Each structure stands twice: as C-alpha cells, then as structure tokens.
Protein backbone atom coordinates (compact mmCIF):
# COMPACT_ATOMS: atom_id res chain seq x y z
CA MET A 1 22.84 -21.65 -3.28
CA ASP A 2 22.59 -23.27 -0.45
CA TRP A 3 19.66 -22.10 2.08
CA GLN A 4 21.13 -24.51 4.78
CA HIS A 5 23.36 -21.74 5.63
CA ASP A 6 22.20 -18.01 6.50
CA SER A 7 24.62 -16.38 4.69
CA ILE A 8 25.57 -15.68 0.81
CA SER A 9 28.43 -14.21 -1.10
CA ALA A 10 27.94 -10.32 -2.70
CA THR A 11 28.98 -11.83 -6.08
CA GLU A 12 26.25 -14.67 -5.24
CA LEU A 13 23.39 -11.71 -4.27
CA ALA A 14 24.23 -9.67 -7.13
CA ARG A 15 23.27 -13.35 -9.00
CA ASN A 16 20.35 -14.21 -7.73
CA MET A 17 18.85 -10.37 -5.96
CA ALA A 18 15.35 -11.38 -6.43
CA SER A 19 15.15 -15.04 -5.11
CA VAL A 20 17.26 -13.50 -2.01
CA ILE A 21 14.89 -11.17 -1.78
CA ASP A 22 11.71 -13.24 -1.84
CA LYS A 23 13.40 -15.66 0.58
CA VAL A 24 13.90 -13.30 2.94
CA ARG A 25 10.26 -11.78 2.76
CA VAL A 26 8.82 -15.28 2.91
CA SER A 27 10.64 -17.02 5.95
CA GLY A 28 11.06 -14.01 7.92
CA HIS A 29 15.03 -14.95 8.45
CA SER A 30 17.61 -12.31 7.75
CA VAL A 31 20.76 -13.15 5.48
CA TYR A 32 24.12 -11.95 6.11
CA ILE A 33 26.56 -10.87 3.09
CA THR A 34 29.96 -11.65 3.01
CA LYS A 35 32.76 -10.69 1.16
CA GLY A 36 35.38 -13.45 1.28
CA SER A 37 35.64 -14.50 4.67
CA GLN A 38 34.18 -11.49 6.11
CA THR A 39 30.57 -10.51 6.78
CA VAL A 40 29.63 -7.18 5.21
CA ALA A 41 25.96 -6.10 5.44
CA GLU A 42 22.61 -7.93 6.58
CA LEU A 43 19.49 -8.11 4.50
CA SER A 44 16.52 -8.59 6.64
CA PRO A 45 12.42 -8.51 6.71
CA PRO A 46 11.52 -4.96 7.89
CA PRO A 47 10.19 -4.73 11.58
CA LYS A 48 7.08 -6.11 11.99
CA GLN A 49 4.05 -3.60 12.44
CA GLY A 50 1.30 -3.92 16.03
CA PHE A 51 1.55 -5.02 19.00
CA PRO A 52 2.90 -8.36 19.50
CA ILE A 53 -0.57 -10.07 20.98
CA GLU A 54 1.74 -12.54 23.51
CA GLN A 55 2.42 -9.27 25.16
CA LEU A 56 -1.31 -8.18 26.04
CA GLY A 57 -1.72 -10.16 29.14
CA SER A 58 1.58 -7.63 30.71
CA LEU A 59 0.20 -5.06 29.26
CA LEU A 60 -3.10 -5.12 30.43
CA GLU A 61 -1.68 -6.28 33.96
CA SER A 62 0.49 -3.07 34.11
CA LEU A 63 -2.19 -0.36 33.47
CA PRO A 64 -3.23 0.81 36.94
CA SER A 65 -5.67 -0.21 38.62
CA LEU A 66 -8.96 2.03 38.89
CA GLY A 67 -9.26 1.02 42.68
CA ASN A 68 -12.34 3.12 44.50
CA ASP A 69 -13.31 4.55 40.73
CA ALA A 70 -14.19 0.83 39.40
CA GLN A 71 -17.55 0.76 41.29
CA GLN A 72 -18.64 4.79 40.28
CA MET A 73 -17.53 3.23 36.65
CA ALA A 74 -19.68 0.44 36.50
CA GLU A 75 -22.57 2.48 37.75
CA ASP A 76 -22.23 5.39 35.11
CA LEU A 77 -21.87 3.23 32.44
CA LYS A 78 -25.11 1.33 33.55
CA ASP A 79 -26.97 4.90 33.81
CA ALA A 80 -25.60 5.85 30.59
CA ARG A 81 -26.66 2.53 29.02
CA SER A 82 -30.42 2.69 30.25
CA HIS A 83 -30.61 6.29 29.15
CA ALA A 84 -29.26 5.71 25.84
CA ASP A 85 -31.87 5.44 22.70
CA LEU A 86 -29.88 2.70 21.04
CA PRO A 87 -31.58 -0.26 18.78
CA GLU A 88 -32.51 -3.63 20.01
CA ASN A 89 -30.07 -4.87 17.14
CA PRO A 90 -26.46 -2.64 16.77
CA TRP A 91 -26.78 -3.37 13.06
CA ASP A 92 -30.08 -1.60 12.31
C-alpha cells in the first residue's frame, strides 16, 4: 500500500481495512476509495468535538459589550465578594 497518495482501491481497502482505519485515525487525514479509475467513497475521521482555541479571540471580540453596565457589574461583584463567607483557601 502506497501511503504517499491519499487514495486506495476498494479491493486493497478490503484486504487492509484495519491498517487503513488506523492510518486515518492516527493521521487525521481522509483516504479516498476508488473503484477502477473513479473515486467512489471517502474514509475520514469524525469531526472534532469542542471549540477550536484559535477562534477564541474572535469569539470574545464578537460578544456584546457590557457598556454602561460594566462598572455597575464590577461594583456588584466586589460587594458580593465582601459579604460572602468564603474560606481563605478555596481548597479547604
């Protein structure tokens, strides 16, 4: 099997199913399955779960601003913390 190419014949796939699946799982790249000279299917890893960290900055920038409420929220948080009965060490 030649891994320099991202395609495999259906016959070769049938003979090497476990190793092809492992290759897709480890590499994260798809493999095109061919029948004759035609691509008939694609074996690909499942979509990744979660939110991509590289998009976090743009997400935070897209959130609405607190505007005039920001100062009031900061004061409310300060007040809540000063009245809370919290331990010195939060791990206690």
